[in-house]
Amino acid sequence: MRAEIQALLASTTGGQDAVAVDFETFYRSEKKARRDGTTPCTVELSGNYGYCRHPEWDAYMVSIYAPDVQYVGDPRTAPWEKVAGRVWVSHNANFDRHVFERLVEQRKVPDMTVWGPDMSKAEAWKVWHDTADLAVYSHLPRAIAQAAECQFRVKLDKAVRSDMDGVRWNDVPVSERDRVLTYALEDAALCWLLWAHLSPGWPEHERQASLHTAEIEFRGVPVDRAAVDRDISVLETALHHVRKRIPWVDTEDEHGKPVALRSKAALDKECLKCGVPPPSTTAQKAKEFLEWLDEYGERVPAVIELGRYRRIDRALSVYRALQARIRPDGRAALGLKYMGAAKTGRWSGAAKFNLQNLMKAPLCFDAEFGWMDSAKGAAYVVDVRARIVAGPGRKMVIADLSQIEPRVLNWAVGNLDFLTLCAAGMGPYEAHARTSMGWTAGNLKKEAPQVYALAKARVLALGYGAGWHKFVEMARGYLGNEEEFLAVFGVKPSDKAVEEFKSYLLWLVQELGHAPSKKALMFFTNEADEQTRNVWVNSWLQVTSFRRSNQLIKGLWDRFDKDFKASALDGLFENELPSGRVLRYFAVTATGWMCKPGNPRGIPQRTYGGLLVENYVQAVARDLFLHGMLNIERAGHRVLFHVHDEVVVEVDENVTPDEIVRLLTTTPSWAADLPVAAEAEVAQHYKK
């Protein structure tokens, strides 16, 4: 072991009860498999559970580090009796726990009795912590090499791991083995050091959040396997049919090479053949592409078919990832990532099968596997959400915190009028209309649905400082269809409003030094039609109205912005949350307001007061959600998984949705006066 690591170990006094455990396993990357003409053997493809049961899988080494125990070698001869009953730590502990359980199944390591005869299996896992989770909580990168370099200025050479791609331990030359053994022991030692130095600052409820996130994967999610297999068959057949309708499939270019199905050159050629200009992009959600589709889509059927191919192909990859994670007990080992969102601490999804971002709409096909735009009359409906089901004799309760962000935002600024209405049971959108838009009549949603939609758009789009140009696009989504949108934004504004808007645009350019935007130039040169100009002015009026009537919110933007810029002196901005958790922004610069949110190795991002407020609000909402979710667990219910502000709980038949709502909305002491609400429904399968 290198001298600098030995010196760190010798000078560290904490963490004496902990032991770091790190397994090395055989793997073959997809790139290596393609090059060698073999089969991949990776966690990414199959998940932890499936990977550990791959026919070629092998755990050839374990490294164990504690001040009184150091071992690196064959797991079968490791001194497990010396580490029984202690706190275990691993970097990405779910992986190592899966490996350990598989080795137990293979009878290569002792069973759970190593933890002591009085400790149940469920209790035993509560002492296996994840230093990757600890690292991100401590504002370090998740990867151990980067975390160790940031914390200890020690570099870990991960090239050793890369060199083992597709290589079995028995095939490693004797002269190279010491290098691998040293790397493995240093990995464990650095893991132990991270725990010893950082764990005192990891609050108990955050440790429980980490452990609970891991437990979700081990519990597994009940899945209708027969329906999954059937859907995969439908998708494969539909993909084959749509592929045949793309003209350049199975053709060759001028050099005799096969034309790629996703070839932009082939698509451009097809467009020109149909007499239309090629799209600048084919990104499915890009505004430019959607506008191109509206104008030319029907004249180039191949573009439509290519879009359908992409959607079917993506759905197929998601289904195959789900299928690979189904265990013999019918439950899929699906994982989440603790503090996956660096700026707020919210969870993120795992690779390949992302519970946080499942397909929102089902794919529908007729009896001949032709594409259909709706489920009405469809012979096949493929809905991955519906394949996640309640276990036998159980049911799901799907509970969602209601409009939690506007509640938190107005609580954070002390908007008492708004909070009083919410506490009395009124929804945030109507509360906003009454406190900021002059609504004084009865139930807003029933009496004036258009005003309700506008209030919703204002609450969700403007609370974090969005400008008029962004608000236009966001409001379209909330106001139903184009006719309803234009009924609000398309009306002719007064001449005074038009002149004020012009003055505002000139102020941006002349006083603030902003480069004129494309839309501003279109406005001044009259390139935009009258309706478009009306929409822009009315959007600006809505933004101006919101800021004028919500000075408390604007004040928070300004305060955070001022404090952020002032922190450029030392490059670190810290924003403490009511829970005591701190959001940190590194490498802060006054010029351009750039920073690296989350950790020092983060990607530089432009930051401003409204964005800082958004991060703050979402982080507080996350802490509230965590408290409620742990309440549900402590009451004896099992959380299957959670998505943003929604929790999916598997419960006995006698448990009511009201019970889950009560637990989810019970606030911690630091938010006792925050009016939190939730909605819940019972289901036999997951749905949105």
Foldseek 3Di string as FASTA:
>chain_A
DDPLLVVLVVPFDFLQLEKEKDWDKAWADPVNCVVVVHDGQDCQQQNLQLSLVPPPMDGFWMFMDHPVDTDIGGQLPGPLLVNAQTQYEYAPQLNVVSNVVSCVVVVSHPDNCSNPPVADPVRVLLRYFHLLLLQLLVLFHSDLQRSCCVPRVDGQDCVLVVVSRNPDPVRDDPVCVVVVRVSNNSNRSSRSSSCRPRVVVQDPLSRVVRSQLSVLLVVFFAFPLVLLVVLLVLLVLLLVVLLVVQVQQPHADPVRHRDDSPDLVSQQVLCVVLPHGRQPDLDPPDPSNVVCCVVCVVSRVNSVSSVVSVVSVLVSQQSSNQNSQQDPVRGGRFGWAQLPPQLQRFIWGDRSHTPQDADAAWWFADPSSHGDPDNVRGPDTGDRQQRRFFDPQWWKKKKFWAPQLLLLLCVVLVVPQQQVCVLVPDHNLVSCCVQQVVDDDPDCCVPPVLSSLVSVLCSVPQLLPDALVVSLVSSCVSQPHPVSSCVQQQDADDPVLLVVVLVVQVCCCPVVVDDRDPVNVCQVVVVDDSRVSSNSSSSNVSNVSSCVSCVSSVVQQVVQQVQLLVCCVVQKDWDAALVRRIWIWGNAHNVQRWTATSHPPHDIDRDGSSVSSVSRSLNVLSVLQSQLVVLCVVVPWRFSDAHRRMTMTIGRPPDDSVVSQVSSRCGDPSPNSRSIGMDMDMGRGGHD
